[in-house]
Amino acid sequence: MKEQHIKTSLGIFFGILTACTMVVVATLIQLSVGVHSEVLVFFRNFLGLLIIFPIVYFKKIPFTFSLVKANFIRAIMGLGAMYCYFFALQHLSLVDAVLLQNTIPLFVPLVLWFWMKKKIRHIRMFPLLIGFIGVLIILKPTRGILDWYSVIGLTSGLLGAIALVGVKELTRTQSSLSILFYYFVISSAISFIPSIALWEPIVSVKIWVYAIAAGLIGIVYQVFLTLSFKHLLATQASSMMYLSLIFSGLADWWILGFTPAMSSIIGAALVMIGGVWVLLLAPSR
């Protein structure tokens, strides 16, 4: 019992650190004024590749075309999610961008239904509805016109859900390290092209620090996320990600000097309720 208590406490600790580092990365991206999101995405992935490569080399994980092919779709979806998320961070408030990216739990049942033909249980319909009502409030449709920056932010949640389901399938035949390595290889190669095309000299040392720190802390975020899932049930660890909404609200107000709109607060509350409810109704693992 004591051992389980320690394990749960560690999981909660790493869960809080996961939410914190996620918001730190998001804040640094918003502070990286003048740097295209495409360049930031490349930094994030290439730094990840540089860090993980010595571990992969030591573990002697093979590099084969067949594994590149197997990981390609997942990598494209994950990369697309990152592009949309980083773009949204540069055009929306911190709270709204983080919130729309956190719609992943709402999209996963829909992706499983469409991709794997798994039926959505009736008991999960109501929380999904609550969550998407919250999303609709965030999108702020007026006279039939949507805020397209918000739509792009929402797309990060959809693509993230597809990537997550893809990872789940890949874990049947590959290790987590192998999946991460192939993701960084593929995403670095693809994101290099638009980053070069849109590259502009970064004169400010401060902006360089923000951009590189966002990439490095993004790796730390991945480590904390993995440790959180290791010590907690998947439903518990996923639910703790919603702490990032609280932290992003504080960062918006304290660092960026922005007070979240009432619509953002109401929308966030509904998405949190719907998302956590969906997670609690899902299998534990």
C-alpha atoms as a PDB file:
ATOM      1  CA  MET A   1       0.000   0.000   0.000  1.00  0.00           C
ATOM      2  CA  LYS A   2       2.824   2.387   0.921  1.00  0.00           C
ATOM      3  CA  GLU A   3       4.646   1.543  -2.312  1.00  0.00           C
ATOM      4  CA  GLN A   4       1.511   2.307  -4.347  1.00  0.00           C
ATOM      5  CA  HIS A   5       1.062   5.597  -2.481  1.00  0.00           C
ATOM      6  CA  ILE A   6       4.644   6.616  -3.337  1.00  0.00           C
ATOM      7  CA  LYS A   7       4.097   5.641  -6.982  1.00  0.00           C
ATOM      8  CA  THR A   8       0.881   7.705  -7.175  1.00  0.00           C
ATOM      9  CA  SER A   9       2.547  10.680  -5.480  1.00  0.00           C
ATOM     10  CA  LEU A  10       5.407  10.538  -7.986  1.00  0.00           C
ATOM     11  CA  GLY A  11       2.905  10.334 -10.827  1.00  0.00           C
ATOM     12  CA  ILE A  12       1.065  13.424  -9.562  1.00  0.00           C
ATOM     13  CA  PHE A  13       4.378  15.249  -9.130  1.00  0.00           C
ATOM     14  CA  PHE A  14       5.461  14.453 -12.711  1.00  0.00           C
ATOM     15  CA  GLY A  15       1.943  15.273 -13.947  1.00  0.00           C
ATOM     16  CA  ILE A  16       2.179  18.765 -12.449  1.00  0.00           C
ATOM     17  CA  LEU A  17       5.651  19.212 -13.975  1.00  0.00           C
ATOM     18  CA  THR A  18       4.266  18.043 -17.350  1.00  0.00           C
ATOM     19  CA  ALA A  19       1.546  20.692 -17.295  1.00  0.00           C
ATOM     20  CA  CYS A  20       4.034  23.352 -16.135  1.00  0.00           C
ATOM     21  CA  THR A  21       6.629  22.617 -18.826  1.00  0.00           C
ATOM     22  CA  MET A  22       3.917  22.503 -21.498  1.00  0.00           C
ATOM     23  CA  VAL A  23       2.895  26.059 -20.559  1.00  0.00           C
ATOM     24  CA  VAL A  24       6.521  27.232 -20.297  1.00  0.00           C
ATOM     25  CA  VAL A  25       7.130  26.029 -23.874  1.00  0.00           C
ATOM     26  CA  ALA A  26       3.920  27.693 -25.068  1.00  0.00           C
ATOM     27  CA  THR A  27       4.878  30.973 -23.358  1.00  0.00           C
ATOM     28  CA  LEU A  28       8.373  30.920 -24.890  1.00  0.00           C
ATOM     29  CA  ILE A  29       6.851  30.409 -28.345  1.00  0.00           C
ATOM     30  CA  GLN A  30       4.587  33.426 -27.829  1.00  0.00           C
ATOM     31  CA  LEU A  31       7.611  35.452 -26.715  1.00  0.00           C
ATOM     32  CA  SER A  32       9.606  34.411 -29.814  1.00  0.00           C
ATOM     33  CA  VAL A  33       8.279  37.390 -31.764  1.00  0.00           C
ATOM     34  CA  GLY A  34       9.400  37.543 -35.395  1.00  0.00           C
ATOM     35  CA  VAL A  35      10.316  33.861 -35.660  1.00  0.00           C
ATOM     36  CA  HIS A  36       8.077  31.860 -38.009  1.00  0.00           C
ATOM     37  CA  SER A  37       6.284  28.922 -36.419  1.00  0.00           C
ATOM     38  CA  GLU A  38       7.806  26.683 -39.136  1.00  0.00           C
ATOM     39  CA  VAL A  39      11.307  27.556 -37.884  1.00  0.00           C
ATOM     40  CA  LEU A  40      10.313  26.891 -34.265  1.00  0.00           C
ATOM     41  CA  VAL A  41       8.884  23.496 -35.243  1.00  0.00           C
ATOM     42  CA  PHE A  42      12.199  22.546 -36.885  1.00  0.00           C
ATOM     43  CA  PHE A  43      14.165  23.674 -33.812  1.00  0.00           C
ATOM     44  CA  ARG A  44      11.900  21.603 -31.590  1.00  0.00           C
ATOM     45  CA  ASN A  45      12.286  18.430 -33.644  1.00  0.00           C
ATOM     46  CA  PHE A  46      15.964  18.739 -34.563  1.00  0.00           C
ATOM     47  CA  LEU A  47      17.017  19.394 -30.972  1.00  0.00           C
ATOM     48  CA  GLY A  48      15.003  16.331 -29.980  1.00  0.00           C
ATOM     49  CA  LEU A  49      16.831  14.278 -32.593  1.00  0.00           C
ATOM     50  CA  LEU A  50      20.234  15.494 -31.399  1.00  0.00           C
ATOM     51  CA  ILE A  51      19.427  14.558 -27.806  1.00  0.00           C
ATOM     52  CA  ILE A  52      17.896  11.155 -28.539  1.00  0.00           C
ATOM     53  CA  PHE A  53      20.417  10.015 -31.181  1.00  0.00           C
ATOM     54  CA  PRO A  54      23.252   9.013 -28.736  1.00  0.00           C
ATOM     55  CA  ILE A  55      20.739   6.939 -26.723  1.00  0.00           C
ATOM     56  CA  VAL A  56      19.471   5.233 -29.883  1.00  0.00           C
ATOM     57  CA  TYR A  57      23.054   4.549 -30.996  1.00  0.00           C
ATOM     58  CA  PHE A  58      23.950   3.056 -27.607  1.00  0.00           C
ATOM     59  CA  LYS A  59      20.774   0.906 -27.612  1.00  0.00           C
ATOM     60  CA  LYS A  60      21.552  -0.206 -31.195  1.00  0.00           C
ATOM     61  CA  ILE A  61      18.045   0.509 -32.499  1.00  0.00           C
ATOM     62  CA  PRO A  62      18.046  -0.356 -36.241  1.00  0.00           C
ATOM     63  CA  PHE A  63      17.306   2.229 -38.920  1.00  0.00           C
ATOM     64  CA  THR A  64      15.402   0.601 -41.782  1.00  0.00           C
ATOM     65  CA  PHE A  65      13.175   1.830 -44.608  1.00  0.00           C
ATOM     66  CA  SER A  66      10.384  -0.489 -43.499  1.00  0.00           C
ATOM     67  CA  LEU A  67      10.302   1.164 -40.053  1.00  0.00           C
ATOM     68  CA  VAL A  68      10.381   4.629 -41.643  1.00  0.00           C
ATOM     69  CA  LYS A  69       7.345   3.597 -43.704  1.00  0.00           C
ATOM     70  CA  ALA A  70       5.563   2.177 -40.642  1.00  0.00           C
ATOM     71  CA  ASN A  71       6.119   5.385 -38.645  1.00  0.00           C
ATOM     72  CA  PHE A  72       5.498   7.832 -41.495  1.00  0.00           C
ATOM     73  CA  ILE A  73       1.753   8.485 -41.052  1.00  0.00           C
ATOM     74  CA  ARG A  74       2.080   8.884 -37.287  1.00  0.00           C
ATOM     75  CA  ALA A  75       4.984  11.300 -37.760  1.00  0.00           C
ATOM     76  CA  ILE A  76       3.072  13.364 -40.343  1.00  0.00           C
ATOM     77  CA  MET A  77       0.052  13.652 -38.040  1.00  0.00           C
ATOM     78  CA  GLY A  78       2.225  14.571 -35.050  1.00  0.00           C
ATOM     79  CA  LEU A  79       4.151  17.113 -37.106  1.00  0.00           C
ATOM     80  CA  GLY A  80       0.927  18.599 -38.466  1.00  0.00           C
ATOM     81  CA  ALA A  81      -0.421  18.901 -34.925  1.00  0.00           C
ATOM     82  CA  MET A  82       2.736  20.742 -33.864  1.00  0.00           C
ATOM     83  CA  TYR A  83       2.578  23.139 -36.834  1.00  0.00           C
ATOM     84  CA  CYS A  84      -1.058  23.982 -36.044  1.00  0.00           C
ATOM     85  CA  TYR A  85      -0.380  24.346 -32.310  1.00  0.00           C
ATOM     86  CA  PHE A  86       2.674  26.614 -32.734  1.00  0.00           C
ATOM     87  CA  PHE A  87       0.815  28.708 -35.329  1.00  0.00           C
ATOM     88  CA  ALA A  88      -2.170  29.063 -32.979  1.00  0.00           C
ATOM     89  CA  LEU A  89       0.141  30.113 -30.139  1.00  0.00           C
ATOM     90  CA  GLN A  90       1.389  33.002 -32.259  1.00  0.00           C
ATOM     91  CA  HIS A  91      -2.112  34.244 -33.126  1.00  0.00           C
ATOM     92  CA  LEU A  92      -4.333  33.396 -30.135  1.00  0.00           C
ATOM     93  CA  SER A  93      -4.196  33.983 -26.412  1.00  0.00           C
ATOM     94  CA  LEU A  94      -2.163  31.421 -24.497  1.00  0.00           C
ATOM     95  CA  VAL A  95      -5.264  29.999 -22.797  1.00  0.00           C
ATOM     96  CA  ASP A  96      -7.219  29.536 -26.037  1.00  0.00           C
ATOM     97  CA  ALA A  97      -4.318  27.897 -27.899  1.00  0.00           C
ATOM     98  CA  VAL A  98      -3.523  25.494 -25.036  1.00  0.00           C
ATOM     99  CA  LEU A  99      -7.212  24.724 -24.564  1.00  0.00           C
ATOM    100  CA  LEU A 100      -7.800  23.849 -28.230  1.00  0.00           C
ATOM    101  CA  GLN A 101      -4.732  21.593 -28.227  1.00  0.00           C
ATOM    102  CA  ASN A 102      -6.141  19.864 -25.141  1.00  0.00           C
ATOM    103  CA  THR A 103      -9.199  18.692 -27.092  1.00  0.00           C
ATOM    104  CA  ILE A 104      -7.276  15.512 -27.949  1.00  0.00           C
ATOM    105  CA  PRO A 105      -9.295  13.347 -25.464  1.00  0.00           C
ATOM    106  CA  LEU A 106     -12.519  14.529 -27.143  1.00  0.00           C
ATOM    107  CA  PHE A 107     -11.286  13.557 -30.613  1.00  0.00           C
ATOM    108  CA  VAL A 108      -9.786  10.152 -29.720  1.00  0.00           C
ATOM    109  CA  PRO A 109     -13.168   8.314 -29.564  1.00  0.00           C
ATOM    110  CA  LEU A 110     -14.125   9.840 -32.939  1.00  0.00           C
ATOM    111  CA  VAL A 111     -10.783   8.817 -34.489  1.00  0.00           C
ATOM    112  CA  LEU A 112     -11.162   5.276 -33.134  1.00  0.00           C
ATOM    113  CA  TRP A 113     -14.681   5.132 -34.582  1.00  0.00           C
ATOM    114  CA  PHE A 114     -13.631   6.392 -38.020  1.00  0.00           C
ATOM    115  CA  TRP A 115     -10.248   4.631 -38.270  1.00  0.00           C
ATOM    116  CA  MET A 116     -10.636   1.447 -36.217  1.00  0.00           C
ATOM    117  CA  LYS A 117     -14.432   1.099 -36.597  1.00  0.00           C
ATOM    118  CA  LYS A 118     -14.796   1.045 -32.799  1.00  0.00           C
ATOM    119  CA  LYS A 119     -18.264   2.119 -31.704  1.00  0.00           C
ATOM    120  CA  ILE A 120     -18.658   5.081 -29.372  1.00  0.00           C
ATOM    121  CA  ARG A 121     -20.562   3.909 -26.309  1.00  0.00           C
ATOM    122  CA  HIS A 122     -23.762   5.845 -25.645  1.00  0.00           C
ATOM    123  CA  ILE A 123     -22.543   6.706 -22.151  1.00  0.00           C
ATOM    124  CA  ARG A 124     -19.695   8.752 -23.697  1.00  0.00           C
ATOM    125  CA  MET A 125     -21.948  10.798 -26.001  1.00  0.00           C
ATOM    126  CA  PHE A 126     -23.029  13.338 -23.366  1.00  0.00           C
ATOM    127  CA  PRO A 127     -19.530  14.284 -22.112  1.00  0.00           C
ATOM    128  CA  LEU A 128     -18.365  14.549 -25.738  1.00  0.00           C
ATOM    129  CA  LEU A 129     -21.256  16.918 -26.411  1.00  0.00           C
ATOM    130  CA  ILE A 130     -20.361  19.048 -23.372  1.00  0.00           C
ATOM    131  CA  GLY A 131     -16.739  19.230 -24.479  1.00  0.00           C
ATOM    132  CA  PHE A 132     -17.568  20.270 -28.039  1.00  0.00           C
ATOM    133  CA  ILE A 133     -20.020  22.922 -26.816  1.00  0.00           C
ATOM    134  CA  GLY A 134     -17.036  24.377 -24.948  1.00  0.00           C
ATOM    135  CA  VAL A 135     -15.010  24.224 -28.175  1.00  0.00           C
ATOM    136  CA  LEU A 136     -17.796  26.032 -30.040  1.00  0.00           C
ATOM    137  CA  ILE A 137     -17.727  28.834 -27.455  1.00  0.00           C
ATOM    138  CA  ILE A 138     -13.963  29.192 -27.956  1.00  0.00           C
ATOM    139  CA  LEU A 139     -14.343  29.272 -31.752  1.00  0.00           C
ATOM    140  CA  LYS A 140     -16.679  32.285 -31.347  1.00  0.00           C
ATOM    141  CA  PRO A 141     -18.789  31.834 -34.503  1.00  0.00           C
ATOM    142  CA  THR A 142     -20.482  35.124 -35.447  1.00  0.00           C
ATOM    143  CA  ARG A 143     -22.900  35.373 -38.356  1.00  0.00           C
ATOM    144  CA  GLY A 144     -21.664  32.082 -39.703  1.00  0.00           C
ATOM    145  CA  ILE A 145     -18.023  33.199 -39.684  1.00  0.00           C
ATOM    146  CA  LEU A 146     -15.465  31.306 -37.594  1.00  0.00           C
ATOM    147  CA  ASP A 147     -12.204  32.572 -36.156  1.00  0.00           C
ATOM    148  CA  TRP A 148      -9.856  30.603 -38.443  1.00  0.00           C
ATOM    149  CA  TYR A 149      -6.902  30.939 -36.087  1.00  0.00           C
ATOM    150  CA  SER A 150      -9.033  29.047 -33.564  1.00  0.00           C
ATOM    151  CA  VAL A 151      -9.964  26.457 -36.196  1.00  0.00           C
ATOM    152  CA  ILE A 152      -6.255  25.853 -36.833  1.00  0.00           C
ATOM    153  CA  GLY A 153      -5.742  25.510 -33.075  1.00  0.00           C
ATOM    154  CA  LEU A 154      -8.579  22.982 -32.956  1.00  0.00           C
ATOM    155  CA  THR A 155      -6.988  21.091 -35.846  1.00  0.00           C
ATOM    156  CA  SER A 156      -3.928  20.561 -33.633  1.00  0.00           C
ATOM    157  CA  GLY A 157      -6.198  18.628 -31.260  1.00  0.00           C
ATOM    158  CA  LEU A 158      -7.630  16.494 -34.081  1.00  0.00           C
ATOM    159  CA  LEU A 159      -4.229  15.685 -35.623  1.00  0.00           C
ATOM    160  CA  GLY A 160      -2.827  15.052 -32.146  1.00  0.00           C
ATOM    161  CA  ALA A 161      -5.588  12.504 -31.517  1.00  0.00           C
ATOM    162  CA  ILE A 162      -4.812  10.714 -34.804  1.00  0.00           C
ATOM    163  CA  ALA A 163      -1.108  10.667 -33.881  1.00  0.00           C
ATOM    164  CA  LEU A 164      -1.928   9.300 -30.412  1.00  0.00           C
ATOM    165  CA  VAL A 165      -4.003   6.450 -31.838  1.00  0.00           C
ATOM    166  CA  GLY A 166      -1.168   5.801 -34.305  1.00  0.00           C
ATOM    167  CA  VAL A 167       1.349   5.581 -31.469  1.00  0.00           C
ATOM    168  CA  LYS A 168      -0.894   3.111 -29.650  1.00  0.00           C
ATOM    169  CA  GLU A 169      -0.877   0.863 -32.728  1.00  0.00           C
ATOM    170  CA  LEU A 170       2.895   1.183 -33.176  1.00  0.00           C
ATOM    171  CA  THR A 171       3.572   0.161 -29.553  1.00  0.00           C
ATOM    172  CA  ARG A 172       2.353  -3.325 -30.479  1.00  0.00           C
ATOM    173  CA  THR A 173       5.532  -3.909 -32.493  1.00  0.00           C
ATOM    174  CA  GLN A 174       8.005  -1.168 -31.479  1.00  0.00           C
ATOM    175  CA  SER A 175       9.520   0.306 -28.331  1.00  0.00           C
ATOM    176  CA  SER A 176       8.673   3.840 -27.212  1.00  0.00           C
ATOM    177  CA  LEU A 177      12.276   4.901 -27.887  1.00  0.00           C
ATOM    178  CA  SER A 178      12.109   3.556 -31.446  1.00  0.00           C
ATOM    179  CA  ILE A 179       8.822   5.383 -32.126  1.00  0.00           C
ATOM    180  CA  LEU A 180      10.221   8.641 -30.736  1.00  0.00           C
ATOM    181  CA  PHE A 181      13.452   8.281 -32.753  1.00  0.00           C
ATOM    182  CA  TYR A 182      11.654   7.712 -36.051  1.00  0.00           C
ATOM    183  CA  TYR A 183       9.295  10.584 -35.296  1.00  0.00           C
ATOM    184  CA  PHE A 184      12.203  12.992 -34.801  1.00  0.00           C
ATOM    185  CA  VAL A 185      14.018  11.719 -37.922  1.00  0.00           C
ATOM    186  CA  ILE A 186      10.976  12.080 -40.183  1.00  0.00           C
ATOM    187  CA  SER A 187       9.715  15.354 -38.698  1.00  0.00           C
ATOM    188  CA  SER A 188      13.194  16.954 -38.743  1.00  0.00           C
ATOM    189  CA  ALA A 189      13.679  16.031 -42.409  1.00  0.00           C
ATOM    190  CA  ILE A 190      10.262  17.361 -43.445  1.00  0.00           C
ATOM    191  CA  SER A 191      10.250  20.512 -41.281  1.00  0.00           C
ATOM    192  CA  PHE A 192      13.745  21.477 -42.495  1.00  0.00           C
ATOM    193  CA  ILE A 193      12.411  22.515 -45.926  1.00  0.00           C
ATOM    194  CA  PRO A 194       9.825  25.136 -44.840  1.00  0.00           C
ATOM    195  CA  SER A 195      12.158  26.394 -42.100  1.00  0.00           C
ATOM    196  CA  ILE A 196      14.827  27.201 -44.715  1.00  0.00           C
ATOM    197  CA  ALA A 197      12.262  28.743 -47.081  1.00  0.00           C
ATOM    198  CA  LEU A 198      10.918  31.042 -44.333  1.00  0.00           C
ATOM    199  CA  TRP A 199      14.179  31.646 -42.498  1.00  0.00           C
ATOM    200  CA  GLU A 200      14.893  35.235 -41.511  1.00  0.00           C
ATOM    201  CA  PRO A 201      17.972  36.327 -39.546  1.00  0.00           C
ATOM    202  CA  ILE A 202      17.314  36.457 -35.801  1.00  0.00           C
ATOM    203  CA  VAL A 203      19.164  39.542 -34.581  1.00  0.00           C
ATOM    204  CA  SER A 204      17.979  39.586 -30.970  1.00  0.00           C
ATOM    205  CA  VAL A 205      19.917  37.352 -28.563  1.00  0.00           C
ATOM    206  CA  LYS A 206      16.814  37.247 -26.369  1.00  0.00           C
ATOM    207  CA  ILE A 207      14.727  35.744 -29.189  1.00  0.00           C
ATOM    208  CA  TRP A 208      17.435  33.137 -29.836  1.00  0.00           C
ATOM    209  CA  VAL A 209      17.306  32.176 -26.155  1.00  0.00           C
ATOM    210  CA  TYR A 210      13.501  31.913 -26.255  1.00  0.00           C
ATOM    211  CA  ALA A 211      13.496  29.773 -29.424  1.00  0.00           C
ATOM    212  CA  ILE A 212      16.228  27.361 -28.284  1.00  0.00           C
ATOM    213  CA  ALA A 213      14.799  27.144 -24.752  1.00  0.00           C
ATOM    214  CA  ALA A 214      11.384  26.248 -26.213  1.00  0.00           C
ATOM    215  CA  GLY A 215      12.998  23.346 -28.073  1.00  0.00           C
ATOM    216  CA  LEU A 216      15.008  22.086 -25.097  1.00  0.00           C
ATOM    217  CA  ILE A 217      12.204  22.414 -22.538  1.00  0.00           C
ATOM    218  CA  GLY A 218       9.935  20.661 -25.047  1.00  0.00           C
ATOM    219  CA  ILE A 219      12.176  17.595 -24.647  1.00  0.00           C
ATOM    220  CA  VAL A 220      11.934  17.884 -20.843  1.00  0.00           C
ATOM    221  CA  TYR A 221       8.144  18.022 -21.262  1.00  0.00           C
ATOM    222  CA  GLN A 222       8.245  14.712 -23.161  1.00  0.00           C
ATOM    223  CA  VAL A 223      10.283  13.109 -20.353  1.00  0.00           C
ATOM    224  CA  PHE A 224       7.909  14.321 -17.625  1.00  0.00           C
ATOM    225  CA  LEU A 225       4.913  13.166 -19.689  1.00  0.00           C
ATOM    226  CA  THR A 226       6.396   9.673 -20.020  1.00  0.00           C
ATOM    227  CA  LEU A 227       7.169   9.486 -16.282  1.00  0.00           C
ATOM    228  CA  SER A 228       3.656  10.657 -15.422  1.00  0.00           C
ATOM    229  CA  PHE A 229       2.096   7.904 -17.549  1.00  0.00           C
ATOM    230  CA  LYS A 230       4.531   5.388 -16.036  1.00  0.00           C
ATOM    231  CA  HIS A 231       3.401   6.057 -12.452  1.00  0.00           C
ATOM    232  CA  LEU A 232      -0.320   6.768 -12.985  1.00  0.00           C
ATOM    233  CA  LEU A 233      -3.215   5.178 -14.809  1.00  0.00           C
ATOM    234  CA  ALA A 234      -3.577   6.564 -18.317  1.00  0.00           C
ATOM    235  CA  THR A 235      -6.884   8.236 -17.359  1.00  0.00           C
ATOM    236  CA  GLN A 236      -5.300   9.922 -14.337  1.00  0.00           C
ATOM    237  CA  ALA A 237      -2.217  11.134 -16.231  1.00  0.00           C
ATOM    238  CA  SER A 238      -4.314  12.446 -19.134  1.00  0.00           C
ATOM    239  CA  SER A 239      -6.682  14.263 -16.785  1.00  0.00           C
ATOM    240  CA  MET A 240      -3.760  16.026 -15.103  1.00  0.00           C
ATOM    241  CA  MET A 241      -2.873  17.614 -18.452  1.00  0.00           C
ATOM    242  CA  TYR A 242      -5.834  19.945 -17.918  1.00  0.00           C
ATOM    243  CA  LEU A 243      -3.807  21.660 -15.194  1.00  0.00           C
ATOM    244  CA  SER A 244      -2.044  23.335 -18.126  1.00  0.00           C
ATOM    245  CA  LEU A 245      -5.204  25.426 -18.655  1.00  0.00           C
ATOM    246  CA  ILE A 246      -4.891  26.878 -15.153  1.00  0.00           C
ATOM    247  CA  PHE A 247      -1.148  27.475 -15.557  1.00  0.00           C
ATOM    248  CA  SER A 248      -1.629  29.048 -19.014  1.00  0.00           C
ATOM    249  CA  GLY A 249      -4.256  31.407 -17.572  1.00  0.00           C
ATOM    250  CA  LEU A 250      -1.777  32.503 -14.891  1.00  0.00           C
ATOM    251  CA  ALA A 251       1.018  32.893 -17.476  1.00  0.00           C
ATOM    252  CA  ASP A 252      -1.309  34.901 -19.743  1.00  0.00           C
ATOM    253  CA  TRP A 253      -2.093  37.294 -16.901  1.00  0.00           C
ATOM    254  CA  TRP A 254       1.248  37.452 -15.078  1.00  0.00           C
ATOM    255  CA  ILE A 255       3.815  37.272 -17.928  1.00  0.00           C
ATOM    256  CA  LEU A 256       1.943  38.338 -21.073  1.00  0.00           C
ATOM    257  CA  GLY A 257      -0.374  40.845 -19.385  1.00  0.00           C
ATOM    258  CA  PHE A 258      -3.523  39.383 -20.930  1.00  0.00           C
ATOM    259  CA  THR A 259      -6.749  38.730 -19.004  1.00  0.00           C
ATOM    260  CA  PRO A 260      -8.695  35.728 -20.422  1.00  0.00           C
ATOM    261  CA  ALA A 261     -12.153  36.587 -21.769  1.00  0.00           C
ATOM    262  CA  MET A 262     -15.194  35.188 -19.981  1.00  0.00           C
ATOM    263  CA  SER A 263     -15.981  33.089 -23.094  1.00  0.00           C
ATOM    264  CA  SER A 264     -12.531  31.488 -22.804  1.00  0.00           C
ATOM    265  CA  ILE A 265     -13.104  30.666 -19.123  1.00  0.00           C
ATOM    266  CA  ILE A 266     -16.559  29.146 -19.782  1.00  0.00           C
ATOM    267  CA  GLY A 267     -15.295  27.246 -22.833  1.00  0.00           C
ATOM    268  CA  ALA A 268     -12.278  25.956 -20.897  1.00  0.00           C
ATOM    269  CA  ALA A 269     -14.502  24.758 -18.045  1.00  0.00           C
ATOM    270  CA  LEU A 270     -16.775  22.820 -20.431  1.00  0.00           C
ATOM    271  CA  VAL A 271     -13.849  21.281 -22.324  1.00  0.00           C
ATOM    272  CA  MET A 272     -12.221  20.255 -19.034  1.00  0.00           C
ATOM    273  CA  ILE A 273     -15.456  18.686 -17.758  1.00  0.00           C
ATOM    274  CA  GLY A 274     -16.108  16.885 -21.038  1.00  0.00           C
ATOM    275  CA  GLY A 275     -12.490  15.782 -21.496  1.00  0.00           C
ATOM    276  CA  VAL A 276     -12.002  14.438 -17.972  1.00  0.00           C
ATOM    277  CA  TRP A 277     -15.422  12.732 -18.104  1.00  0.00           C
ATOM    278  CA  VAL A 278     -14.523  10.998 -21.375  1.00  0.00           C
ATOM    279  CA  LEU A 279     -11.193   9.882 -19.894  1.00  0.00           C
ATOM    280  CA  LEU A 280     -12.858   8.473 -16.779  1.00  0.00           C
ATOM    281  CA  LEU A 281     -15.222   6.423 -18.960  1.00  0.00           C
ATOM    282  CA  ALA A 282     -12.304   5.029 -20.985  1.00  0.00           C
ATOM    283  CA  PRO A 283     -10.365   1.841 -20.091  1.00  0.00           C
ATOM    284  CA  SER A 284      -7.647   2.492 -17.527  1.00  0.00           C
ATOM    285  CA  ARG A 285      -4.834   1.431 -19.831  1.00  0.00           C
END
